[in-house]
Amino acid sequence: MIPEGNRLSNIVRFTGFQNEYDRYRPEAPKLVTELLTGYLKRRPSLVVDLGCGTGLSTFLWRTAANAVIGIEPGDDMRGKALEKWEALGSPDSISFIPGYSNALGLPPGSADIVTCSQSFHWMEPSSTLKEASRVLRPGGIFAAYDCDWPPVLEPSIETRYHELIEQSEAIIEHRIPDGERAVKWNKDEHLRRIKESGEFAFAREIVFHNIERCDAERYVGLTLSQGGVQTVLRLGGGELDEKIAVYREEVERYFNGRTLETLFCYRMKLGIK
C-alpha cells in the first residue's frame, strides 16, 4: 500500500528504462560528499539517499560514509541498483530497500545526511521534509540537488532539447487524464520550502559543476532517458519519432565522432537541523 501523499503515477513514470537511465545519466560528483561532510564536520555514520533510482548517487558514499541506504519505491530502478551492488560483492555498508520519502521506517535521529539527487521534485515536499528531519540527528543535513538540463553544449542543440521535452509534456497532458499523470513540484521552490518547513536552523543554495566525457550516443541517450520522453515512447504512436530523428542527426553532426568534455551544472539546496 502506498502511504498517503505519494502517487503511483510518479513511480510508473520511471518504470521500464532503468538500463538506459543508468547508462546515460551522470553519476553524482564527488564534490557532493566533500561539501556535505564539510558542513557535518565529521565522517557520516549513516547517509540515506531518497528516490535513489539505480544508485547513481548512493554508491558515491561507498568510501565516504560508514553506511548508506538507498531508498527507492520503483522495483525496476531498485533492481538495477541491487544488480550493481551484487557486482561489487554485496558490500555490507550499502543497502537498497523499498520505501517512500515520507515513510522511511528508520529510527528517529539515526542518520547524519539525507539526500535527494534529481528526485525531490517528484516527492510531496512538506511530508518529506518532516520525515527527513525526524530521522536526522541534531546537526544533520538534508540536501536536494539537481542538474540544469541539458548539459552545456551548443545553442541550437540545447534549444532542440527543450523543444523535445516541451512536446513530450504536451503529449502527456493531451493523452493521459489529470488523475493519472505524474505530478512534480517546482525545483525553484526547494530552498523556500526547506526554510519555511521550520525543521532546519540553517539553509542555503550551493551552485557547482562537474565535467564528464560525452559523445553523441550519450548526449542523445541522456535526452531520451528523461521521464517525459520515456512516457511518450511507452504510449506509442510515434509522435516524437521525427523530432528525435532530427535531434539525433544534429547531435551526431556536432560531435562528429568525437568524445568531448561536457559541463554538467548543479544546484544544491540544503538544510541543517
C-alpha atoms as a PDB file:
ATOM      1  CA  MET A   1       0.000   0.000   0.000  1.00  0.00           C
ATOM      2  CA  ILE A   2       1.321   3.434  -0.943  1.00  0.00           C
ATOM      3  CA  PRO A   3       1.484   5.856   2.015  1.00  0.00           C
ATOM      4  CA  GLU A   4      -0.634   8.997   1.864  1.00  0.00           C
ATOM      5  CA  GLY A   5       0.961  11.835  -0.094  1.00  0.00           C
ATOM      6  CA  ASN A   6       2.569   9.567  -2.695  1.00  0.00           C
ATOM      7  CA  ARG A   7       1.349   8.956  -6.235  1.00  0.00           C
ATOM      8  CA  LEU A   8       1.633   5.697  -8.146  1.00  0.00           C
ATOM      9  CA  SER A   9       1.927   7.729 -11.368  1.00  0.00           C
ATOM     10  CA  ASN A  10       5.180   9.268 -10.126  1.00  0.00           C
ATOM     11  CA  ILE A  11       6.639   5.787  -9.708  1.00  0.00           C
ATOM     12  CA  VAL A  12       5.294   4.473 -13.014  1.00  0.00           C
ATOM     13  CA  ARG A  13       6.942   7.397 -14.845  1.00  0.00           C
ATOM     14  CA  PHE A  14      10.333   5.827 -14.080  1.00  0.00           C
ATOM     15  CA  THR A  15       9.436   2.247 -14.956  1.00  0.00           C
ATOM     16  CA  GLY A  16      10.978   0.177 -17.717  1.00  0.00           C
ATOM     17  CA  PHE A  17      14.065   2.162 -18.685  1.00  0.00           C
ATOM     18  CA  GLN A  18      16.427   1.523 -15.769  1.00  0.00           C
ATOM     19  CA  ASN A  19      19.251   0.338 -18.033  1.00  0.00           C
ATOM     20  CA  GLU A  20      19.157   3.444 -20.220  1.00  0.00           C
ATOM     21  CA  TYR A  21      18.859   5.657 -17.148  1.00  0.00           C
ATOM     22  CA  ASP A  22      21.870   4.069 -15.502  1.00  0.00           C
ATOM     23  CA  ARG A  23      23.949   4.081 -18.675  1.00  0.00           C
ATOM     24  CA  TYR A  24      23.455   7.693 -19.737  1.00  0.00           C
ATOM     25  CA  ARG A  25      22.646   9.748 -16.638  1.00  0.00           C
ATOM     26  CA  PRO A  26      25.529  11.430 -14.781  1.00  0.00           C
ATOM     27  CA  GLU A  27      26.855   9.973 -11.549  1.00  0.00           C
ATOM     28  CA  ALA A  28      26.709  12.367  -8.633  1.00  0.00           C
ATOM     29  CA  PRO A  29      30.053  14.209  -8.432  1.00  0.00           C
ATOM     30  CA  LYS A  30      32.447  13.526  -5.562  1.00  0.00           C
ATOM     31  CA  LEU A  31      32.141  17.185  -4.585  1.00  0.00           C
ATOM     32  CA  VAL A  32      28.722  16.344  -3.110  1.00  0.00           C
ATOM     33  CA  THR A  33      30.324  14.206  -0.397  1.00  0.00           C
ATOM     34  CA  GLU A  34      33.003  16.817   0.256  1.00  0.00           C
ATOM     35  CA  LEU A  35      30.516  19.681   0.620  1.00  0.00           C
ATOM     36  CA  LEU A  36      28.148  17.808   2.900  1.00  0.00           C
ATOM     37  CA  THR A  37      30.862  16.213   5.038  1.00  0.00           C
ATOM     38  CA  GLY A  38      32.410  19.659   5.419  1.00  0.00           C
ATOM     39  CA  TYR A  39      29.160  21.044   6.807  1.00  0.00           C
ATOM     40  CA  LEU A  40      28.668  17.992   9.007  1.00  0.00           C
ATOM     41  CA  LYS A  41      32.243  18.326  10.368  1.00  0.00           C
ATOM     42  CA  ARG A  42      32.674  14.563  10.734  1.00  0.00           C
ATOM     43  CA  ARG A  43      32.508  11.385   8.720  1.00  0.00           C
ATOM     44  CA  PRO A  44      28.835  10.441   8.419  1.00  0.00           C
ATOM     45  CA  SER A  45      27.770   7.263  10.179  1.00  0.00           C
ATOM     46  CA  LEU A  46      24.681   6.881   8.011  1.00  0.00           C
ATOM     47  CA  VAL A  47      23.592   8.544   4.771  1.00  0.00           C
ATOM     48  CA  VAL A  48      20.062   7.982   3.446  1.00  0.00           C
ATOM     49  CA  ASP A  49      19.547   8.558  -0.283  1.00  0.00           C
ATOM     50  CA  LEU A  50      15.866   9.127  -1.132  1.00  0.00           C
ATOM     51  CA  GLY A  51      14.491   8.243  -4.546  1.00  0.00           C
ATOM     52  CA  CYS A  52      17.872   6.720  -5.281  1.00  0.00           C
ATOM     53  CA  GLY A  53      16.935   5.187  -8.632  1.00  0.00           C
ATOM     54  CA  THR A  54      19.741   2.965  -9.894  1.00  0.00           C
ATOM     55  CA  GLY A  55      22.112   4.123  -7.168  1.00  0.00           C
ATOM     56  CA  LEU A  56      23.994   6.770  -9.156  1.00  0.00           C
ATOM     57  CA  SER A  57      24.042   8.966  -6.044  1.00  0.00           C
ATOM     58  CA  THR A  58      24.155   6.144  -3.485  1.00  0.00           C
ATOM     59  CA  PHE A  59      27.386   4.418  -4.464  1.00  0.00           C
ATOM     60  CA  LEU A  60      29.087   7.806  -4.244  1.00  0.00           C
ATOM     61  CA  TRP A  61      29.134   7.358  -0.446  1.00  0.00           C
ATOM     62  CA  ARG A  62      30.717   3.898  -0.523  1.00  0.00           C
ATOM     63  CA  THR A  63      34.027   5.132   0.916  1.00  0.00           C
ATOM     64  CA  ALA A  64      32.772   8.457   2.284  1.00  0.00           C
ATOM     65  CA  ALA A  65      30.378   7.174   4.977  1.00  0.00           C
ATOM     66  CA  ASN A  66      30.201   4.235   7.359  1.00  0.00           C
ATOM     67  CA  ALA A  67      26.891   3.166   5.837  1.00  0.00           C
ATOM     68  CA  VAL A  68      24.463   4.328   3.152  1.00  0.00           C
ATOM     69  CA  ILE A  69      20.881   3.265   2.472  1.00  0.00           C
ATOM     70  CA  GLY A  70      19.297   3.860  -0.915  1.00  0.00           C
ATOM     71  CA  ILE A  71      15.501   4.086  -0.720  1.00  0.00           C
ATOM     72  CA  GLU A  72      13.578   3.624  -3.957  1.00  0.00           C
ATOM     73  CA  PRO A  73       9.890   2.741  -4.467  1.00  0.00           C
ATOM     74  CA  GLY A  74      10.304   1.600  -8.083  1.00  0.00           C
ATOM     75  CA  ASP A  75      11.119  -2.095  -8.490  1.00  0.00           C
ATOM     76  CA  ASP A  76      12.889  -1.630 -11.839  1.00  0.00           C
ATOM     77  CA  MET A  77      15.209   1.140 -10.688  1.00  0.00           C
ATOM     78  CA  ARG A  78      15.924  -0.542  -7.345  1.00  0.00           C
ATOM     79  CA  GLY A  79      16.531  -3.850  -9.115  1.00  0.00           C
ATOM     80  CA  LYS A  80      19.238  -2.233 -11.240  1.00  0.00           C
ATOM     81  CA  ALA A  81      20.833  -0.748  -8.125  1.00  0.00           C
ATOM     82  CA  LEU A  82      20.861  -4.192  -6.485  1.00  0.00           C
ATOM     83  CA  GLU A  83      22.385  -5.710  -9.623  1.00  0.00           C
ATOM     84  CA  LYS A  84      25.259  -3.212  -9.390  1.00  0.00           C
ATOM     85  CA  TRP A  85      25.560  -3.801  -5.641  1.00  0.00           C
ATOM     86  CA  GLU A  86      25.931  -7.538  -6.205  1.00  0.00           C
ATOM     87  CA  ALA A  87      28.578  -6.896  -8.882  1.00  0.00           C
ATOM     88  CA  LEU A  88      30.574  -5.054  -6.211  1.00  0.00           C
ATOM     89  CA  GLY A  89      30.452  -8.092  -3.944  1.00  0.00           C
ATOM     90  CA  SER A  90      27.367  -7.039  -1.936  1.00  0.00           C
ATOM     91  CA  PRO A  91      29.195  -4.700   0.475  1.00  0.00           C
ATOM     92  CA  ASP A  92      27.629  -4.583   3.940  1.00  0.00           C
ATOM     93  CA  SER A  93      27.977  -0.795   4.102  1.00  0.00           C
ATOM     94  CA  ILE A  94      25.484  -0.262   1.247  1.00  0.00           C
ATOM     95  CA  SER A  95      21.865  -1.376   1.157  1.00  0.00           C
ATOM     96  CA  PHE A  96      18.853  -0.722  -1.042  1.00  0.00           C
ATOM     97  CA  ILE A  97      15.323  -1.001   0.278  1.00  0.00           C
ATOM     98  CA  PRO A  98      11.836  -0.191  -0.994  1.00  0.00           C
ATOM     99  CA  GLY A  99      10.248   2.826   0.601  1.00  0.00           C
ATOM    100  CA  TYR A 100       8.779   6.297   0.304  1.00  0.00           C
ATOM    101  CA  SER A 101      10.274   9.652   1.186  1.00  0.00           C
ATOM    102  CA  ASN A 102       7.622  10.460   3.794  1.00  0.00           C
ATOM    103  CA  ALA A 103       7.518   6.992   5.402  1.00  0.00           C
ATOM    104  CA  LEU A 104      11.113   5.813   5.734  1.00  0.00           C
ATOM    105  CA  GLY A 105      10.677   3.295   8.521  1.00  0.00           C
ATOM    106  CA  LEU A 106      14.001   4.324  10.077  1.00  0.00           C
ATOM    107  CA  PRO A 107      14.528   5.155  13.781  1.00  0.00           C
ATOM    108  CA  PRO A 108      14.417   8.807  14.853  1.00  0.00           C
ATOM    109  CA  GLY A 109      17.815  10.503  14.908  1.00  0.00           C
ATOM    110  CA  SER A 110      19.521   7.667  13.057  1.00  0.00           C
ATOM    111  CA  ALA A 111      21.000   9.488  10.035  1.00  0.00           C
ATOM    112  CA  ASP A 112      23.624  12.178   9.582  1.00  0.00           C
ATOM    113  CA  ILE A 113      22.721  13.107   5.999  1.00  0.00           C
ATOM    114  CA  VAL A 114      19.602  12.666   3.864  1.00  0.00           C
ATOM    115  CA  THR A 115      19.989  13.316   0.135  1.00  0.00           C
ATOM    116  CA  CYS A 116      17.693  13.622  -2.862  1.00  0.00           C
ATOM    117  CA  SER A 117      19.562  13.531  -6.153  1.00  0.00           C
ATOM    118  CA  GLN A 118      17.362  14.540  -9.105  1.00  0.00           C
ATOM    119  CA  SER A 119      14.366  13.336  -7.102  1.00  0.00           C
ATOM    120  CA  PHE A 120      12.954  15.817  -4.575  1.00  0.00           C
ATOM    121  CA  HIS A 121      10.671  17.457  -7.163  1.00  0.00           C
ATOM    122  CA  TRP A 122       8.829  14.109  -7.502  1.00  0.00           C
ATOM    123  CA  MET A 123       8.098  13.945  -3.746  1.00  0.00           C
ATOM    124  CA  GLU A 124       5.406  15.651  -1.679  1.00  0.00           C
ATOM    125  CA  PRO A 125       7.697  18.258  -0.111  1.00  0.00           C
ATOM    126  CA  SER A 126       6.124  19.043   3.263  1.00  0.00           C
ATOM    127  CA  SER A 127       5.790  15.457   4.473  1.00  0.00           C
ATOM    128  CA  THR A 128       9.191  14.541   3.009  1.00  0.00           C
ATOM    129  CA  LEU A 129      10.971  17.353   4.847  1.00  0.00           C
ATOM    130  CA  LYS A 130       9.200  16.441   8.079  1.00  0.00           C
ATOM    131  CA  GLU A 131      10.230  12.805   7.735  1.00  0.00           C
ATOM    132  CA  ALA A 132      13.807  13.706   6.812  1.00  0.00           C
ATOM    133  CA  SER A 133      14.041  15.881   9.906  1.00  0.00           C
ATOM    134  CA  ARG A 134      12.673  13.058  12.054  1.00  0.00           C
ATOM    135  CA  VAL A 135      15.416  10.630  11.024  1.00  0.00           C
ATOM    136  CA  LEU A 136      18.232  13.219  11.151  1.00  0.00           C
ATOM    137  CA  ARG A 137      20.413  13.665  14.201  1.00  0.00           C
ATOM    138  CA  PRO A 138      20.902  17.206  15.583  1.00  0.00           C
ATOM    139  CA  GLY A 139      23.228  18.961  13.157  1.00  0.00           C
ATOM    140  CA  GLY A 140      22.226  16.535  10.405  1.00  0.00           C
ATOM    141  CA  ILE A 141      21.784  17.693   6.819  1.00  0.00           C
ATOM    142  CA  PHE A 142      19.045  17.400   4.233  1.00  0.00           C
ATOM    143  CA  ALA A 143      20.319  18.094   0.705  1.00  0.00           C
ATOM    144  CA  ALA A 144      18.393  18.099  -2.580  1.00  0.00           C
ATOM    145  CA  TYR A 145      20.472  18.593  -5.703  1.00  0.00           C
ATOM    146  CA  ASP A 146      19.689  18.615  -9.403  1.00  0.00           C
ATOM    147  CA  CYS A 147      21.320  19.123 -12.784  1.00  0.00           C
ATOM    148  CA  ASP A 148      20.384  22.012 -15.012  1.00  0.00           C
ATOM    149  CA  TRP A 149      19.301  20.202 -18.191  1.00  0.00           C
ATOM    150  CA  PRO A 150      20.674  19.840 -20.739  1.00  0.00           C
ATOM    151  CA  PRO A 151      24.460  19.652 -20.256  1.00  0.00           C
ATOM    152  CA  VAL A 152      26.254  22.660 -21.726  1.00  0.00           C
ATOM    153  CA  LEU A 153      26.947  22.094 -25.433  1.00  0.00           C
ATOM    154  CA  GLU A 154      25.667  24.344 -28.225  1.00  0.00           C
ATOM    155  CA  PRO A 155      22.683  26.768 -28.522  1.00  0.00           C
ATOM    156  CA  SER A 156      20.820  25.075 -31.391  1.00  0.00           C
ATOM    157  CA  ILE A 157      21.075  21.614 -29.851  1.00  0.00           C
ATOM    158  CA  GLU A 158      20.107  22.861 -26.408  1.00  0.00           C
ATOM    159  CA  THR A 159      17.083  24.610 -27.965  1.00  0.00           C
ATOM    160  CA  ARG A 160      16.037  21.380 -29.689  1.00  0.00           C
ATOM    161  CA  TYR A 161      16.412  19.570 -26.359  1.00  0.00           C
ATOM    162  CA  HIS A 162      13.946  21.925 -24.677  1.00  0.00           C
ATOM    163  CA  GLU A 163      11.538  21.654 -27.620  1.00  0.00           C
ATOM    164  CA  LEU A 164      11.613  17.864 -27.368  1.00  0.00           C
ATOM    165  CA  ILE A 165      10.921  17.959 -23.624  1.00  0.00           C
ATOM    166  CA  GLU A 166       8.120  20.509 -24.043  1.00  0.00           C
ATOM    167  CA  GLN A 167       6.472  18.477 -26.800  1.00  0.00           C
ATOM    168  CA  SER A 168       6.693  15.348 -24.634  1.00  0.00           C
ATOM    169  CA  GLU A 169       4.903  17.070 -21.769  1.00  0.00           C
ATOM    170  CA  ALA A 170       2.250  18.457 -24.134  1.00  0.00           C
ATOM    171  CA  ILE A 171       1.562  14.962 -25.489  1.00  0.00           C
ATOM    172  CA  ILE A 172       1.328  13.584 -21.955  1.00  0.00           C
ATOM    173  CA  GLU A 173      -1.143  16.320 -20.996  1.00  0.00           C
ATOM    174  CA  HIS A 174      -3.248  15.526 -24.049  1.00  0.00           C
ATOM    175  CA  ARG A 175      -3.205  11.725 -23.784  1.00  0.00           C
ATOM    176  CA  ILE A 176      -3.118  10.968 -20.047  1.00  0.00           C
ATOM    177  CA  PRO A 177      -6.004  12.085 -17.782  1.00  0.00           C
ATOM    178  CA  ASP A 178      -5.196  14.521 -14.966  1.00  0.00           C
ATOM    179  CA  GLY A 179      -5.553  11.994 -12.174  1.00  0.00           C
ATOM    180  CA  GLU A 180      -3.218   9.517 -13.884  1.00  0.00           C
ATOM    181  CA  ARG A 181      -0.370  11.890 -14.721  1.00  0.00           C
ATOM    182  CA  ALA A 182       2.796  12.205 -12.669  1.00  0.00           C
ATOM    183  CA  VAL A 183       2.992  15.367 -10.584  1.00  0.00           C
ATOM    184  CA  LYS A 184       6.184  17.300  -9.960  1.00  0.00           C
ATOM    185  CA  TRP A 185       6.942  20.267  -7.755  1.00  0.00           C
ATOM    186  CA  ASN A 186       8.900  23.317  -8.905  1.00  0.00           C
ATOM    187  CA  LYS A 187      12.629  22.916  -8.245  1.00  0.00           C
ATOM    188  CA  ASP A 188      12.940  26.688  -7.883  1.00  0.00           C
ATOM    189  CA  GLU A 189      10.841  26.420  -4.722  1.00  0.00           C
ATOM    190  CA  HIS A 190      13.035  23.830  -2.966  1.00  0.00           C
ATOM    191  CA  LEU A 191      15.010  26.313  -0.871  1.00  0.00           C
ATOM    192  CA  ARG A 192      11.943  28.271   0.169  1.00  0.00           C
ATOM    193  CA  ARG A 193      10.207  25.075   1.248  1.00  0.00           C
ATOM    194  CA  ILE A 194      13.234  23.957   3.268  1.00  0.00           C
ATOM    195  CA  LYS A 195      13.338  27.327   5.033  1.00  0.00           C
ATOM    196  CA  GLU A 196       9.588  27.515   5.639  1.00  0.00           C
ATOM    197  CA  SER A 197       9.326  23.927   6.901  1.00  0.00           C
ATOM    198  CA  GLY A 198      10.607  25.052  10.303  1.00  0.00           C
ATOM    199  CA  GLU A 199      12.670  21.869  10.533  1.00  0.00           C
ATOM    200  CA  PHE A 200      16.094  23.386   9.863  1.00  0.00           C
ATOM    201  CA  ALA A 201      18.188  26.022  11.631  1.00  0.00           C
ATOM    202  CA  PHE A 202      20.199  26.910   8.512  1.00  0.00           C
ATOM    203  CA  ALA A 203      19.502  26.699   4.795  1.00  0.00           C
ATOM    204  CA  ARG A 204      21.242  27.788   1.620  1.00  0.00           C
ATOM    205  CA  GLU A 205      21.830  27.035  -2.055  1.00  0.00           C
ATOM    206  CA  ILE A 206      25.187  25.923  -3.470  1.00  0.00           C
ATOM    207  CA  VAL A 207      25.874  26.052  -7.202  1.00  0.00           C
ATOM    208  CA  PHE A 208      28.655  23.957  -8.713  1.00  0.00           C
ATOM    209  CA  HIS A 209      29.583  21.988 -11.817  1.00  0.00           C
ATOM    210  CA  ASN A 210      31.154  18.737 -12.900  1.00  0.00           C
ATOM    211  CA  ILE A 211      32.836  17.753 -16.152  1.00  0.00           C
ATOM    212  CA  GLU A 212      32.130  14.360 -17.722  1.00  0.00           C
ATOM    213  CA  ARG A 213      33.138  12.896 -21.050  1.00  0.00           C
ATOM    214  CA  CYS A 214      30.303  12.673 -23.509  1.00  0.00           C
ATOM    215  CA  ASP A 215      29.837  11.507 -27.092  1.00  0.00           C
ATOM    216  CA  ALA A 216      26.832  11.786 -29.374  1.00  0.00           C
ATOM    217  CA  GLU A 217      25.371   8.472 -28.235  1.00  0.00           C
ATOM    218  CA  ARG A 218      25.465   9.513 -24.595  1.00  0.00           C
ATOM    219  CA  TYR A 219      24.106  13.008 -25.219  1.00  0.00           C
ATOM    220  CA  VAL A 220      21.147  11.630 -27.156  1.00  0.00           C
ATOM    221  CA  GLY A 221      20.706   8.769 -24.674  1.00  0.00           C
ATOM    222  CA  LEU A 222      20.647  11.181 -21.760  1.00  0.00           C
ATOM    223  CA  THR A 223      17.924  13.168 -23.517  1.00  0.00           C
ATOM    224  CA  LEU A 224      15.852  10.071 -24.234  1.00  0.00           C
ATOM    225  CA  SER A 225      16.253   8.953 -20.603  1.00  0.00           C
ATOM    226  CA  GLN A 226      14.138  11.887 -19.432  1.00  0.00           C
ATOM    227  CA  GLY A 227      10.938  10.608 -17.851  1.00  0.00           C
ATOM    228  CA  GLY A 228       8.592  12.607 -20.065  1.00  0.00           C
ATOM    229  CA  VAL A 229      10.180  11.321 -23.258  1.00  0.00           C
ATOM    230  CA  GLN A 230      10.060   7.748 -21.948  1.00  0.00           C
ATOM    231  CA  THR A 231       6.397   8.152 -21.020  1.00  0.00           C
ATOM    232  CA  VAL A 232       5.518   9.218 -24.572  1.00  0.00           C
ATOM    233  CA  LEU A 233       7.553   6.385 -26.104  1.00  0.00           C
ATOM    234  CA  ARG A 234       5.662   3.900 -23.907  1.00  0.00           C
ATOM    235  CA  LEU A 235       2.348   5.363 -25.060  1.00  0.00           C
ATOM    236  CA  GLY A 236       3.237   4.536 -28.652  1.00  0.00           C
ATOM    237  CA  GLY A 237       2.002   6.357 -31.713  1.00  0.00           C
ATOM    238  CA  GLY A 238       5.347   7.645 -32.950  1.00  0.00           C
ATOM    239  CA  GLU A 239       4.551  11.282 -32.181  1.00  0.00           C
ATOM    240  CA  LEU A 240       8.146  12.070 -31.244  1.00  0.00           C
ATOM    241  CA  ASP A 241       9.863   9.985 -33.911  1.00  0.00           C
ATOM    242  CA  GLU A 242      10.575  12.777 -36.376  1.00  0.00           C
ATOM    243  CA  LYS A 243      11.726  15.248 -33.740  1.00  0.00           C
ATOM    244  CA  ILE A 244      14.007  12.632 -32.153  1.00  0.00           C
ATOM    245  CA  ALA A 245      15.485  11.749 -35.559  1.00  0.00           C
ATOM    246  CA  VAL A 246      16.250  15.407 -36.344  1.00  0.00           C
ATOM    247  CA  TYR A 247      17.711  15.913 -32.874  1.00  0.00           C
ATOM    248  CA  ARG A 248      19.894  12.815 -33.137  1.00  0.00           C
ATOM    249  CA  GLU A 249      21.184  13.893 -36.551  1.00  0.00           C
ATOM    250  CA  GLU A 250      22.139  17.355 -35.278  1.00  0.00           C
ATOM    251  CA  VAL A 251      23.886  15.977 -32.189  1.00  0.00           C
ATOM    252  CA  GLU A 252      25.835  13.445 -34.249  1.00  0.00           C
ATOM    253  CA  ARG A 253      26.869  16.147 -36.697  1.00  0.00           C
ATOM    254  CA  TYR A 254      28.128  18.337 -33.852  1.00  0.00           C
ATOM    255  CA  PHE A 255      30.154  15.614 -32.121  1.00  0.00           C
ATOM    256  CA  ASN A 256      31.404  14.255 -35.457  1.00  0.00           C
ATOM    257  CA  GLY A 257      32.662  11.064 -33.846  1.00  0.00           C
ATOM    258  CA  ARG A 258      34.395  12.925 -31.015  1.00  0.00           C
ATOM    259  CA  THR A 259      34.156  12.392 -27.265  1.00  0.00           C
ATOM    260  CA  LEU A 260      34.166  15.776 -25.545  1.00  0.00           C
ATOM    261  CA  GLU A 261      34.479  17.091 -22.008  1.00  0.00           C
ATOM    262  CA  THR A 262      30.978  18.293 -21.211  1.00  0.00           C
ATOM    263  CA  LEU A 263      29.852  20.622 -18.420  1.00  0.00           C
ATOM    264  CA  PHE A 264      27.054  19.477 -16.091  1.00  0.00           C
ATOM    265  CA  CYS A 265      25.719  22.286 -13.881  1.00  0.00           C
ATOM    266  CA  TYR A 266      24.246  21.512 -10.440  1.00  0.00           C
ATOM    267  CA  ARG A 267      22.142  23.331  -7.845  1.00  0.00           C
ATOM    268  CA  MET A 268      22.034  22.013  -4.284  1.00  0.00           C
ATOM    269  CA  LYS A 269      19.553  23.220  -1.684  1.00  0.00           C
ATOM    270  CA  LEU A 270      20.361  22.133   1.850  1.00  0.00           C
ATOM    271  CA  GLY A 271      19.063  22.491   5.355  1.00  0.00           C
ATOM    272  CA  ILE A 272      20.977  21.802   8.565  1.00  0.00           C
ATOM    273  CA  LYS A 273      18.921  20.683  11.541  1.00  0.00           C
END
